[in-house]
PDB file of all heavy atoms in Angstrom:
ATOM      1  N   MET A   1      35.905  58.217-282.570  1.00  0.00           N
ATOM      2  CA  MET A   1      35.742  58.003-284.005  1.00  0.00           C
ATOM      3  C   MET A   1      36.795  58.933-284.731  1.00  0.00           C
ATOM      4  O   MET A   1      36.711  60.189-284.527  1.00  0.00           O
ATOM      5  CB  MET A   1      34.359  58.310-284.431  1.00  0.00           C
ATOM      6  CG  MET A   1      33.337  57.289-283.755  1.00  0.00           C
ATOM      7  SD  MET A   1      31.617  57.629-284.214  1.00  0.00           S
ATOM      8  CE  MET A   1      30.814  56.384-283.217  1.00  0.00           C
ATOM      9  N   ALA A   2      37.510  58.435-285.514  1.00  0.00           N
ATOM     10  CA  ALA A   2      38.575  59.163-286.258  1.00  0.00           C
ATOM     11  C   ALA A   2      37.962  60.171-287.307  1.00  0.00           C
ATOM     12  O   ALA A   2      38.520  61.226-287.486  1.00  0.00           O
ATOM     13  CB  ALA A   2      39.514  58.257-286.998  1.00  0.00           C
ATOM     14  N   ASP A   3      36.913  59.846-287.929  1.00  0.00           N
ATOM     15  CA  ASP A   3      36.314  60.640-288.979  1.00  0.00           C
ATOM     16  C   ASP A   3      35.504  61.739-288.341  1.00  0.00           C
ATOM     17  O   ASP A   3      34.572  61.447-287.691  1.00  0.00           O
ATOM     18  CB  ASP A   3      35.418  59.674-289.920  1.00  0.00           C
ATOM     19  CG  ASP A   3      34.830  60.520-291.041  1.00  0.00           C
ATOM     20  OD1 ASP A   3      34.708  61.727-291.017  1.00  0.00           O
ATOM     21  OD2 ASP A   3      34.543  59.801-292.077  1.00  0.00           O
ATOM     22  N   PRO A   4      35.825  63.042-288.606  1.00  0.00           N
ATOM     23  CA  PRO A   4      35.044  64.196-288.046  1.00  0.00           C
ATOM     24  C   PRO A   4      33.490  64.113-288.323  1.00  0.00           C
ATOM     25  O   PRO A   4      32.693  64.414-287.518  1.00  0.00           O
ATOM     26  CB  PRO A   4      35.824  65.353-288.623  1.00  0.00           C
ATOM     27  CG  PRO A   4      37.039  64.889-289.027  1.00  0.00           C
ATOM     28  CD  PRO A   4      36.976  63.455-289.485  1.00  0.00           C
ATOM     29  N   ALA A   5      33.292  63.701-289.637  1.00  0.00           N
ATOM     30  CA  ALA A   5      31.816  63.624-290.025  1.00  0.00           C
ATOM     31  C   ALA A   5      31.093  62.588-289.244  1.00  0.00           C
ATOM     32  O   ALA A   5      29.949  62.763-288.750  1.00  0.00           O
ATOM     33  CB  ALA A   5      31.747  63.378-291.526  1.00  0.00           C
ATOM     34  N   LYS A   6      31.748  61.363-289.039  1.00  0.00           N
ATOM     35  CA  LYS A   6      31.016  60.364-288.263  1.00  0.00           C
ATOM     36  C   LYS A   6      30.956  60.729-286.812  1.00  0.00           C
ATOM     37  O   LYS A   6      30.013  60.394-286.149  1.00  0.00           O
ATOM     38  CB  LYS A   6      31.955  59.090-288.430  1.00  0.00           C
ATOM     39  CG  LYS A   6      31.706  58.362-289.791  1.00  0.00           C
ATOM     40  CD  LYS A   6      32.366  57.031-289.828  1.00  0.00           C
ATOM     41  CE  LYS A   6      32.205  56.434-291.212  1.00  0.00           C
ATOM     42  NZ  LYS A   6      30.801  56.088-291.506  1.00  0.00           N
ATOM     43  N   ARG A   7      31.929  61.513-286.313  1.00  0.00           N
ATOM     44  CA  ARG A   7      31.946  61.990-284.930  1.00  0.00           C
ATOM     45  C   ARG A   7      30.675  62.826-284.634  1.00  0.00           C
ATOM     46  O   ARG A   7      29.903  62.629-283.742  1.00  0.00           O
ATOM     47  CB  ARG A   7      33.098  62.747-284.556  1.00  0.00           C
ATOM     48  CG  ARG A   7      34.213  61.981-283.823  1.00  0.00           C
ATOM     49  CD  ARG A   7      35.184  62.841-283.063  1.00  0.00           C
ATOM     50  NE  ARG A   7      35.648  64.046-283.779  1.00  0.00           N
ATOM     51  CZ  ARG A   7      36.704  64.015-284.535  1.00  0.00           C
ATOM     52  NH1 ARG A   7      37.459  62.887-284.753  1.00  0.00           N
ATOM     53  NH2 ARG A   7      37.162  65.038-285.224  1.00  0.00           N
ATOM     54  N   GLU A   8      30.525  63.788-285.627  1.00  0.00           N
ATOM     55  CA  GLU A   8      29.305  64.635-285.455  1.00  0.00           C
ATOM     56  C   GLU A   8      28.016  64.010-285.619  1.00  0.00           C
ATOM     57  O   GLU A   8      27.041  64.201-285.019  1.00  0.00           O
ATOM     58  CB  GLU A   8      29.504  65.856-286.469  1.00  0.00           C
ATOM     59  CG  GLU A   8      28.402  66.920-286.415  1.00  0.00           C
ATOM     60  CD  GLU A   8      28.276  67.531-285.072  1.00  0.00           C
ATOM     61  OE1 GLU A   8      29.283  67.638-284.360  1.00  0.00           O
ATOM     62  OE2 GLU A   8      27.246  67.871-284.715  1.00  0.00           O
ATOM     63  N   ALA A   9      27.968  63.104-286.542  1.00  0.00           N
ATOM     64  CA  ALA A   9      26.759  62.261-286.856  1.00  0.00           C
ATOM     65  C   ALA A   9      26.421  61.513-285.577  1.00  0.00           C
ATOM     66  O   ALA A   9      25.205  61.362-285.255  1.00  0.00           O
ATOM     67  CB  ALA A   9      26.970  61.377-288.132  1.00  0.00           C
ATOM     68  N   ALA A  10      27.428  60.949-284.977  1.00  0.00           N
ATOM     69  CA  ALA A  10      27.141  60.070-283.817  1.00  0.00           C
ATOM     70  C   ALA A  10      26.663  60.936-282.614  1.00  0.00           C
ATOM     71  O   ALA A  10      25.772  60.497-281.932  1.00  0.00           O
ATOM     72  CB  ALA A  10      28.426  59.385-283.356  1.00  0.00           C
ATOM     73  N   ARG A  11      27.213  62.112-282.445  1.00  0.00           N
ATOM     74  CA  ARG A  11      26.725  63.005-281.424  1.00  0.00           C
ATOM     75  C   ARG A  11      25.304  63.363-281.637  1.00  0.00           C
ATOM     76  O   ARG A  11      24.470  63.316-280.759  1.00  0.00           O
ATOM     77  CB  ARG A  11      27.566  64.299-281.402  1.00  0.00           C
ATOM     78  CG  ARG A  11      28.923  64.008-280.903  1.00  0.00           C
ATOM     79  CD  ARG A  11      29.702  65.423-280.580  1.00  0.00           C
ATOM     80  NE  ARG A  11      31.082  65.238-280.162  1.00  0.00           N
ATOM     81  CZ  ARG A  11      32.113  65.494-281.031  1.00  0.00           C
ATOM     82  NH1 ARG A  11      31.895  66.050-282.241  1.00  0.00           N
ATOM     83  NH2 ARG A  11      33.368  65.265-280.585  1.00  0.00           N
ATOM     84  N   ARG A  12      24.928  63.648-282.858  1.00  0.00           N
ATOM     85  CA  ARG A  12      23.460  64.035-283.214  1.00  0.00           C
ATOM     86  C   ARG A  12      22.571  62.739-282.949  1.00  0.00           C
ATOM     87  O   ARG A  12      21.431  62.907-282.361  1.00  0.00           O
ATOM     88  CB  ARG A  12      23.422  64.461-284.659  1.00  0.00           C
ATOM     89  CG  ARG A  12      23.972  65.845-284.898  1.00  0.00           C
ATOM     90  CD  ARG A  12      23.449  66.431-286.262  1.00  0.00           C
ATOM     91  NE  ARG A  12      23.755  65.560-287.398  1.00  0.00           N
ATOM     92  CZ  ARG A  12      24.791  65.575-288.062  1.00  0.00           C
ATOM     93  NH1 ARG A  12      25.754  66.512-287.888  1.00  0.00           N
ATOM     94  NH2 ARG A  12      25.092  64.807-289.171  1.00  0.00           N
ATOM     95  N   SER A  13      23.085  61.557-283.302  1.00  0.00           N
ATOM     96  CA  SER A  13      22.332  60.451-283.123  1.00  0.00           C
ATOM     97  C   SER A  13      22.082  60.133-281.619  1.00  0.00           C
ATOM     98  O   SER A  13      20.912  59.913-281.221  1.00  0.00           O
ATOM     99  CB  SER A  13      23.085  59.258-283.684  1.00  0.00           C
ATOM    100  OG  SER A  13      22.990  59.117-285.065  1.00  0.00           O
ATOM    101  N   LEU A  14      23.112  60.338-280.788  1.00  0.00           N
ATOM    102  CA  LEU A  14      22.900  60.054-279.377  1.00  0.00           C
ATOM    103  C   LEU A  14      22.029  61.203-278.732  1.00  0.00           C
ATOM    104  O   LEU A  14      21.173  60.714-277.822  1.00  0.00           O
ATOM    105  CB  LEU A  14      24.361  60.015-278.693  1.00  0.00           C
ATOM    106  CG  LEU A  14      25.149  58.940-279.085  1.00  0.00           C
ATOM    107  CD1 LEU A  14      26.487  58.908-278.329  1.00  0.00           C
ATOM    108  CD2 LEU A  14      24.582  57.562-278.927  1.00  0.00           C
ATOM    109  N   GLU A  15      22.116  62.322-279.235  1.00  0.00           N
ATOM    110  CA  GLU A  15      21.133  63.337-278.739  1.00  0.00           C
ATOM    111  C   GLU A  15      19.700  62.955-279.008  1.00  0.00           C
ATOM    112  O   GLU A  15      18.800  63.063-278.109  1.00  0.00           O
ATOM    113  CB  GLU A  15      21.488  64.723-279.308  1.00  0.00           C
ATOM    114  CG  GLU A  15      20.583  65.830-278.721  1.00  0.00           C
ATOM    115  CD  GLU A  15      20.980  67.137-279.263  1.00  0.00           C
ATOM    116  OE1 GLU A  15      22.010  67.255-280.144  1.00  0.00           O
ATOM    117  OE2 GLU A  15      20.378  68.146-279.105  1.00  0.00           O
ATOM    118  N   TYR A  16      19.341  62.496-280.321  1.00  0.00           N
ATOM    119  CA  TYR A  16      18.142  62.189-280.625  1.00  0.00           C
ATOM    120  C   TYR A  16      17.546  60.931-279.893  1.00  0.00           C
ATOM    121  O   TYR A  16      16.531  60.815-279.484  1.00  0.00           O
ATOM    122  CB  TYR A  16      18.040  61.939-282.135  1.00  0.00           C
ATOM    123  CG  TYR A  16      16.677  61.453-282.645  1.00  0.00           C
ATOM    124  CD1 TYR A  16      15.788  62.403-282.982  1.00  0.00           C
ATOM    125  CD2 TYR A  16      16.449  60.140-282.838  1.00  0.00           C
ATOM    126  CE1 TYR A  16      14.552  62.077-283.529  1.00  0.00           C
ATOM    127  CE2 TYR A  16      15.138  59.775-283.287  1.00  0.00           C
ATOM    128  CZ  TYR A  16      14.199  60.672-283.585  1.00  0.00           C
ATOM    129  OH  TYR A  16      12.960  60.303-284.010  1.00  0.00           O
ATOM    130  N   MET A  17      18.496  59.964-279.689  1.00  0.00           N
ATOM    131  CA  MET A  17      18.228  58.671-279.030  1.00  0.00           C
ATOM    132  C   MET A  17      18.165  58.880-277.504  1.00  0.00           C
ATOM    133  O   MET A  17      17.813  57.877-276.845  1.00  0.00           O
ATOM    134  CB  MET A  17      19.149  57.635-279.505  1.00  0.00           C
ATOM    135  CG  MET A  17      19.075  57.273-281.004  1.00  0.00           C
ATOM    136  SD  MET A  17      17.445  56.494-281.451  1.00  0.00           S
ATOM    137  CE  MET A  17      17.660  54.835-280.690  1.00  0.00           C
ATOM    138  N   ASP A  18      18.645  60.021-277.005  1.00  0.00           N
ATOM    139  CA  ASP A  18      18.763  60.140-275.519  1.00  0.00           C
ATOM    140  C   ASP A  18      19.526  59.128-274.875  1.00  0.00           C
ATOM    141  O   ASP A  18      19.142  58.420-273.901  1.00  0.00           O
ATOM    142  CB  ASP A  18      17.387  60.214-274.988  1.00  0.00           C
ATOM    143  CG  ASP A  18      17.323  60.719-273.524  1.00  0.00           C
ATOM    144  OD1 ASP A  18      18.337  61.486-273.102  1.00  0.00           O
ATOM    145  OD2 ASP A  18      16.450  60.302-272.740  1.00  0.00           O
ATOM    146  N   LEU A  19      20.760  58.909-275.436  1.00  0.00           N
ATOM    147  CA  LEU A  19      21.714  57.920-274.869  1.00  0.00           C
ATOM    148  C   LEU A  19      23.068  58.530-274.604  1.00  0.00           C
ATOM    149  O   LEU A  19      23.423  59.592-275.327  1.00  0.00           O
ATOM    150  CB  LEU A  19      21.933  56.788-275.934  1.00  0.00           C
ATOM    151  CG  LEU A  19      20.690  55.940-276.109  1.00  0.00           C
ATOM    152  CD1 LEU A  19      21.025  54.848-277.225  1.00  0.00           C
ATOM    153  CD2 LEU A  19      20.249  55.161-274.846  1.00  0.00           C
ATOM    154  N   GLU A  20      23.782  58.049-273.632  1.00  0.00           N
ATOM    155  CA  GLU A  20      25.059  58.512-273.311  1.00  0.00           C
ATOM    156  C   GLU A  20      26.192  57.547-273.600  1.00  0.00           C
ATOM    157  O   GLU A  20      25.939  56.295-273.615  1.00  0.00           O
ATOM    158  CB  GLU A  20      25.141  58.674-271.780  1.00  0.00           C
ATOM    159  CG  GLU A  20      24.234  59.871-271.289  1.00  0.00           C
ATOM    160  CD  GLU A  20      24.658  61.226-271.751  1.00  0.00           C
ATOM    161  OE1 GLU A  20      25.930  61.415-272.007  1.00  0.00           O
ATOM    162  OE2 GLU A  20      23.835  62.185-271.745  1.00  0.00           O
ATOM    163  N   PRO A  21      27.328  57.951-274.042  1.00  0.00           N
ATOM    164  CA  PRO A  21      28.417  57.034-274.342  1.00  0.00           C
ATOM    165  C   PRO A  21      28.705  56.104-273.157  1.00  0.00           C
ATOM    166  O   PRO A  21      28.627  56.547-272.012  1.00  0.00           O
ATOM    167  CB  PRO A  21      29.649  58.016-274.566  1.00  0.00           C
ATOM    168  CG  PRO A  21      29.001  59.207-275.034  1.00  0.00           C
ATOM    169  CD  PRO A  21      27.738  59.414-274.357  1.00  0.00           C
ATOM    170  N   GLY A  22      28.970  54.893-273.409  1.00  0.00           N
ATOM    171  CA  GLY A  22      29.245  53.890-272.318  1.00  0.00           C
ATOM    172  C   GLY A  22      27.971  53.259-271.737  1.00  0.00           C
ATOM    173  O   GLY A  22      28.211  52.245-270.927  1.00  0.00           O
ATOM    174  N   HIS A  23      26.848  53.685-272.115  1.00  0.00           N
ATOM    175  CA  HIS A  23      25.581  53.071-271.675  1.00  0.00           C
ATOM    176  C   HIS A  23      25.485  51.663-272.120  1.00  0.00           C
ATOM    177  O   HIS A  23      25.634  51.383-273.356  1.00  0.00           O
ATOM    178  CB  HIS A  23      24.380  53.926-272.138  1.00  0.00           C
ATOM    179  CG  HIS A  23      23.075  53.535-271.420  1.00  0.00           C
ATOM    180  ND1 HIS A  23      22.337  54.563-270.854  1.00  0.00           N
ATOM    181  CD2 HIS A  23      22.487  52.396-271.215  1.00  0.00           C
ATOM    182  CE1 HIS A  23      21.290  53.975-270.370  1.00  0.00           C
ATOM    183  NE2 HIS A  23      21.255  52.612-270.565  1.00  0.00           N
ATOM    184  N   ARG A  24      25.413  50.641-271.295  1.00  0.00           N
ATOM    185  CA  ARG A  24      25.256  49.274-271.648  1.00  0.00           C
ATOM    186  C   ARG A  24      24.038  48.994-272.426  1.00  0.00           C
ATOM    187  O   ARG A  24      22.858  49.507-272.110  1.00  0.00           O
ATOM    188  CB  ARG A  24      25.192  48.379-270.479  1.00  0.00           C
ATOM    189  CG  ARG A  24      26.565  47.916-269.935  1.00  0.00           C
ATOM    190  CD  ARG A  24      26.435  46.964-268.731  1.00  0.00           C
ATOM    191  NE  ARG A  24      25.139  46.340-268.606  1.00  0.00           N
ATOM    192  CZ  ARG A  24      24.875  44.986-268.799  1.00  0.00           C
ATOM    193  NH1 ARG A  24      25.871  44.216-269.278  1.00  0.00           N
ATOM    194  NH2 ARG A  24      23.694  44.499-268.583  1.00  0.00           N
ATOM    195  N   LEU A  25      24.117  48.410-273.602  1.00  0.00           N
ATOM    196  CA  LEU A  25      23.033  48.253-274.532  1.00  0.00           C
ATOM    197  C   LEU A  25      21.925  47.453-273.813  1.00  0.00           C
ATOM    198  O   LEU A  25      20.760  47.693-274.030  1.00  0.00           O
ATOM    199  CB  LEU A  25      23.525  47.547-275.803  1.00  0.00           C
ATOM    200  CG  LEU A  25      24.460  48.461-276.738  1.00  0.00           C
ATOM    201  CD1 LEU A  25      24.910  47.560-277.876  1.00  0.00           C
ATOM    202  CD2 LEU A  25      23.556  49.641-277.231  1.00  0.00           C
ATOM    203  N   GLN A  26      22.317  46.347-273.079  1.00  0.00           N
ATOM    204  CA  GLN A  26      21.329  45.623-272.410  1.00  0.00           C
ATOM    205  C   GLN A  26      20.561  46.314-271.207  1.00  0.00           C
ATOM    206  O   GLN A  26      19.692  45.751-270.613  1.00  0.00           O
ATOM    207  CB  GLN A  26      21.966  44.268-271.854  1.00  0.00           C
ATOM    208  CG  GLN A  26      22.448  43.410-273.035  1.00  0.00           C
ATOM    209  CD  GLN A  26      22.783  42.109-272.573  1.00  0.00           C
ATOM    210  OE1 GLN A  26      21.936  41.306-272.276  1.00  0.00           O
ATOM    211  NE2 GLN A  26      24.082  41.791-272.631  1.00  0.00           N
ATOM    212  N   ASP A  27      20.998  47.570-270.918  1.00  0.00           N
ATOM    213  CA  ASP A  27      20.287  48.370-269.911  1.00  0.00           C
ATOM    214  C   ASP A  27      19.249  49.351-270.514  1.00  0.00           C
ATOM    215  O   ASP A  27      18.646  50.123-269.845  1.00  0.00           O
ATOM    216  CB  ASP A  27      21.309  49.191-269.036  1.00  0.00           C
ATOM    217  CG  ASP A  27      22.064  48.307-268.150  1.00  0.00           C
ATOM    218  OD1 ASP A  27      21.732  47.199-267.776  1.00  0.00           O
ATOM    219  OD2 ASP A  27      23.251  48.633-267.788  1.00  0.00           O
ATOM    220  N   ILE A  28      19.113  49.292-271.850  1.00  0.00           N
ATOM    221  CA  ILE A  28      18.203  50.218-272.579  1.00  0.00           C
ATOM    222  C   ILE A  28      16.838  49.679-272.583  1.00  0.00           C
ATOM    223  O   ILE A  28      16.537  48.564-273.140  1.00  0.00           O
ATOM    224  CB  ILE A  28      18.685  50.509-273.934  1.00  0.00           C
ATOM    225  CG1 ILE A  28      20.026  51.140-273.953  1.00  0.00           C
ATOM    226  CG2 ILE A  28      17.644  51.431-274.720  1.00  0.00           C
ATOM    227  CD1 ILE A  28      20.637  51.374-275.316  1.00  0.00           C
ATOM    228  N   ALA A  29      15.858  50.317-271.884  1.00  0.00           N
ATOM    229  CA  ALA A  29      14.515  49.882-271.822  1.00  0.00           C
ATOM    230  C   ALA A  29      13.765  50.244-273.078  1.00  0.00           C
ATOM    231  O   ALA A  29      14.057  51.300-273.698  1.00  0.00           O
ATOM    232  CB  ALA A  29      13.777  50.477-270.564  1.00  0.00           C
ATOM    233  N   VAL A  30      12.778  49.427-273.506  1.00  0.00           N
ATOM    234  CA  VAL A  30      11.945  49.788-274.612  1.00  0.00           C
ATOM    235  C   VAL A  30      10.511  49.703-274.323  1.00  0.00           C
ATOM    236  O   VAL A  30      10.114  49.035-273.290  1.00  0.00           O
ATOM    237  CB  VAL A  30      12.275  48.878-275.833  1.00  0.00           C
ATOM    238  CG1 VAL A  30      13.655  48.955-276.301  1.00  0.00           C
ATOM    239  CG2 VAL A  30      12.009  47.438-275.403  1.00  0.00           C
ATOM    240  N   GLU A  31       9.717  50.472-275.014  1.00  0.00           N
ATOM    241  CA  GLU A  31       8.263  50.402-274.739  1.00  0.00           C
ATOM    242  C   GLU A  31       7.369  49.754-275.881  1.00  0.00           C
ATOM    243  O   GLU A  31       6.250  49.410-275.642  1.00  0.00           O
ATOM    244  CB  GLU A  31       7.639  51.852-274.601  1.00  0.00           C
ATOM    245  CG  GLU A  31       8.215  52.619-273.419  1.00  0.00           C
ATOM    246  CD  GLU A  31       9.585  53.199-273.647  1.00  0.00           C
ATOM    247  OE1 GLU A  31       9.905  53.542-274.835  1.00  0.00           O
ATOM    248  OE2 GLU A  31      10.350  53.422-272.642  1.00  0.00           O
ATOM    249  N   HIS A  32       8.047  49.559-276.997  1.00  0.00           N
ATOM    250  CA  HIS A  32       7.236  49.045-278.199  1.00  0.00           C
ATOM    251  C   HIS A  32       8.167  47.902-278.827  1.00  0.00           C
ATOM    252  O   HIS A  32       9.351  47.983-278.864  1.00  0.00           O
ATOM    253  CB  HIS A  32       6.952  50.070-279.123  1.00  0.00           C
ATOM    254  CG  HIS A  32       6.157  51.241-278.575  1.00  0.00           C
ATOM    255  ND1 HIS A  32       4.725  51.286-278.604  1.00  0.00           N
ATOM    256  CD2 HIS A  32       6.496  52.346-277.872  1.00  0.00           C
ATOM    257  CE1 HIS A  32       4.295  52.306-278.054  1.00  0.00           C
ATOM    258  NE2 HIS A  32       5.338  52.960-277.578  1.00  0.00           N
ATOM    259  N   ILE A  33       7.426  46.974-279.402  1.00  0.00           N
ATOM    260  CA  ILE A  33       8.010  45.822-280.174  1.00  0.00           C
ATOM    261  C   ILE A  33       7.308  45.776-281.421  1.00  0.00           C
ATOM    262  O   ILE A  33       6.075  45.700-281.592  1.00  0.00           O
ATOM    263  CB  ILE A  33       7.829  44.465-279.375  1.00  0.00           C
ATOM    264  CG1 ILE A  33       8.229  44.555-277.964  1.00  0.00           C
ATOM    265  CG2 ILE A  33       8.492  43.406-280.120  1.00  0.00           C
ATOM    266  CD1 ILE A  33       9.731  44.721-277.715  1.00  0.00           C
ATOM    267  N   PHE A  34       8.097  45.654-282.517  1.00  0.00           N
ATOM    268  CA  PHE A  34       7.602  45.509-283.933  1.00  0.00           C
ATOM    269  C   PHE A  34       8.308  44.354-284.549  1.00  0.00           C
ATOM    270  O   PHE A  34       9.450  44.425-284.759  1.00  0.00           O
ATOM    271  CB  PHE A  34       7.700  46.745-284.705  1.00  0.00           C
ATOM    272  CG  PHE A  34       7.328  46.560-286.166  1.00  0.00           C
ATOM    273  CD1 PHE A  34       6.161  45.985-286.492  1.00  0.00           C
ATOM    274  CD2 PHE A  34       8.211  46.874-287.150  1.00  0.00           C
ATOM    275  CE1 PHE A  34       5.775  45.824-287.843  1.00  0.00           C
ATOM    276  CE2 PHE A  34       7.852  46.654-288.486  1.00  0.00           C
ATOM    277  CZ  PHE A  34       6.664  46.138-288.803  1.00  0.00           C
ATOM    278  N   ILE A  35       7.610  43.282-284.863  1.00  0.00           N
ATOM    279  CA  ILE A  35       8.115  42.153-285.574  1.00  0.00           C
ATOM    280  C   ILE A  35       7.310  42.048-286.831  1.00  0.00           C
ATOM    281  O   ILE A  35       6.158  41.660-286.877  1.00  0.00           O
ATOM    282  CB  ILE A  35       8.078  40.793-284.776  1.00  0.00           C
ATOM    283  CG1 ILE A  35       8.879  40.921-283.490  1.00  0.00           C
ATOM    284  CG2 ILE A  35       8.465  39.581-285.633  1.00  0.00           C
ATOM    285  CD1 ILE A  35       8.842  39.770-282.622  1.00  0.00           C
ATOM    286  N   GLY A  36       8.007  42.342-288.020  1.00  0.00           N
ATOM    287  CA  GLY A  36       7.289  42.514-289.256  1.00  0.00           C
ATOM    288  C   GLY A  36       8.216  43.220-290.302  1.00  0.00           C
ATOM    289  O   GLY A  36       9.459  43.272-290.111  1.00  0.00           O
ATOM    290  N   SER A  37       7.689  43.797-291.325  1.00  0.00           N
ATOM    291  CA  SER A  37       8.257  44.553-292.473  1.00  0.00           C
ATOM    292  C   SER A  37       8.727  43.568-293.603  1.00  0.00           C
ATOM    293  O   SER A  37       8.826  42.367-293.305  1.00  0.00           O
ATOM    294  CB  SER A  37       9.435  45.396-291.960  1.00  0.00           C
ATOM    295  OG  SER A  37      10.691  44.609-291.853  1.00  0.00           O
ATOM    296  N   CYS A  38       9.192  44.180-294.639  1.00  0.00           N
ATOM    297  CA  CYS A  38       9.675  43.439-295.830  1.00  0.00           C
ATOM    298  C   CYS A  38      10.909  42.750-295.438  1.00  0.00           C
ATOM    299  O   CYS A  38      11.523  41.949-296.319  1.00  0.00           O
ATOM    300  CB  CYS A  38       9.669  44.217-297.080  1.00  0.00           C
ATOM    301  SG  CYS A  38      10.809  45.657-296.972  1.00  0.00           S
ATOM    302  N   THR A  39      11.644  43.116-294.366  1.00  0.00           N
ATOM    303  CA  THR A  39      12.899  42.494-293.988  1.00  0.00           C
ATOM    304  C   THR A  39      12.694  41.221-293.130  1.00  0.00           C
ATOM    305  O   THR A  39      13.417  40.181-293.309  1.00  0.00           O
ATOM    306  CB  THR A  39      13.688  43.489-293.126  1.00  0.00           C
ATOM    307  OG1 THR A  39      13.730  44.800-293.773  1.00  0.00           O
ATOM    308  CG2 THR A  39      15.091  42.973-292.884  1.00  0.00           C
ATOM    309  N   ASN A  40      11.734  41.211-292.296  1.00  0.00           N
ATOM    310  CA  ASN A  40      11.565  40.061-291.329  1.00  0.00           C
ATOM    311  C   ASN A  40      10.144  39.801-290.954  1.00  0.00           C
ATOM    312  O   ASN A  40       9.735  39.851-289.847  1.00  0.00           O
ATOM    313  CB  ASN A  40      12.339  40.392-289.941  1.00  0.00           C
ATOM    314  CG  ASN A  40      13.806  40.223-290.095  1.00  0.00           C
ATOM    315  OD1 ASN A  40      14.630  41.111-289.941  1.00  0.00           O
ATOM    316  ND2 ASN A  40      14.284  39.004-290.509  1.00  0.00           N
ATOM    317  N   SER A  41       9.302  39.456-292.002  1.00  0.00           N
ATOM    318  CA  SER A  41       7.925  38.993-291.672  1.00  0.00           C
ATOM    319  C   SER A  41       7.441  37.825-292.252  1.00  0.00           C
ATOM    320  O   SER A  41       6.300  37.529-292.461  1.00  0.00           O
ATOM    321  CB  SER A  41       6.956  40.203-292.186  1.00  0.00           C
ATOM    322  OG  SER A  41       7.187  40.306-293.681  1.00  0.00           O
ATOM    323  N   ARG A  42       8.460  36.942-292.674  1.00  0.00           N
ATOM    324  CA  ARG A  42       8.114  35.695-293.293  1.00  0.00           C
ATOM    325  C   ARG A  42       8.035  34.547-292.298  1.00  0.00           C
ATOM    326  O   ARG A  42       8.280  34.768-291.069  1.00  0.00           O
ATOM    327  CB  ARG A  42       9.216  35.330-294.323  1.00  0.00           C
ATOM    328  CG  ARG A  42       9.322  36.435-295.516  1.00  0.00           C
ATOM    329  CD  ARG A  42      10.436  36.287-296.461  1.00  0.00           C
ATOM    330  NE  ARG A  42      10.448  37.263-297.461  1.00  0.00           N
ATOM    331  CZ  ARG A  42      10.937  38.594-297.292  1.00  0.00           C
ATOM    332  NH1 ARG A  42      11.533  38.829-296.073  1.00  0.00           N
ATOM    333  NH2 ARG A  42      10.786  39.420-298.143  1.00  0.00           N
TER     334      ARG A  42
END
């Protein structure tokens, strides 16, 4: 990422999310499912 602020934000995000660069998204396991909210509950 060219923007230093975005670089640092991405690093913090990955640390919180416990993810590594290059990790295939379809290999990420989940434990909870939520279908609802004011965005998608109609």
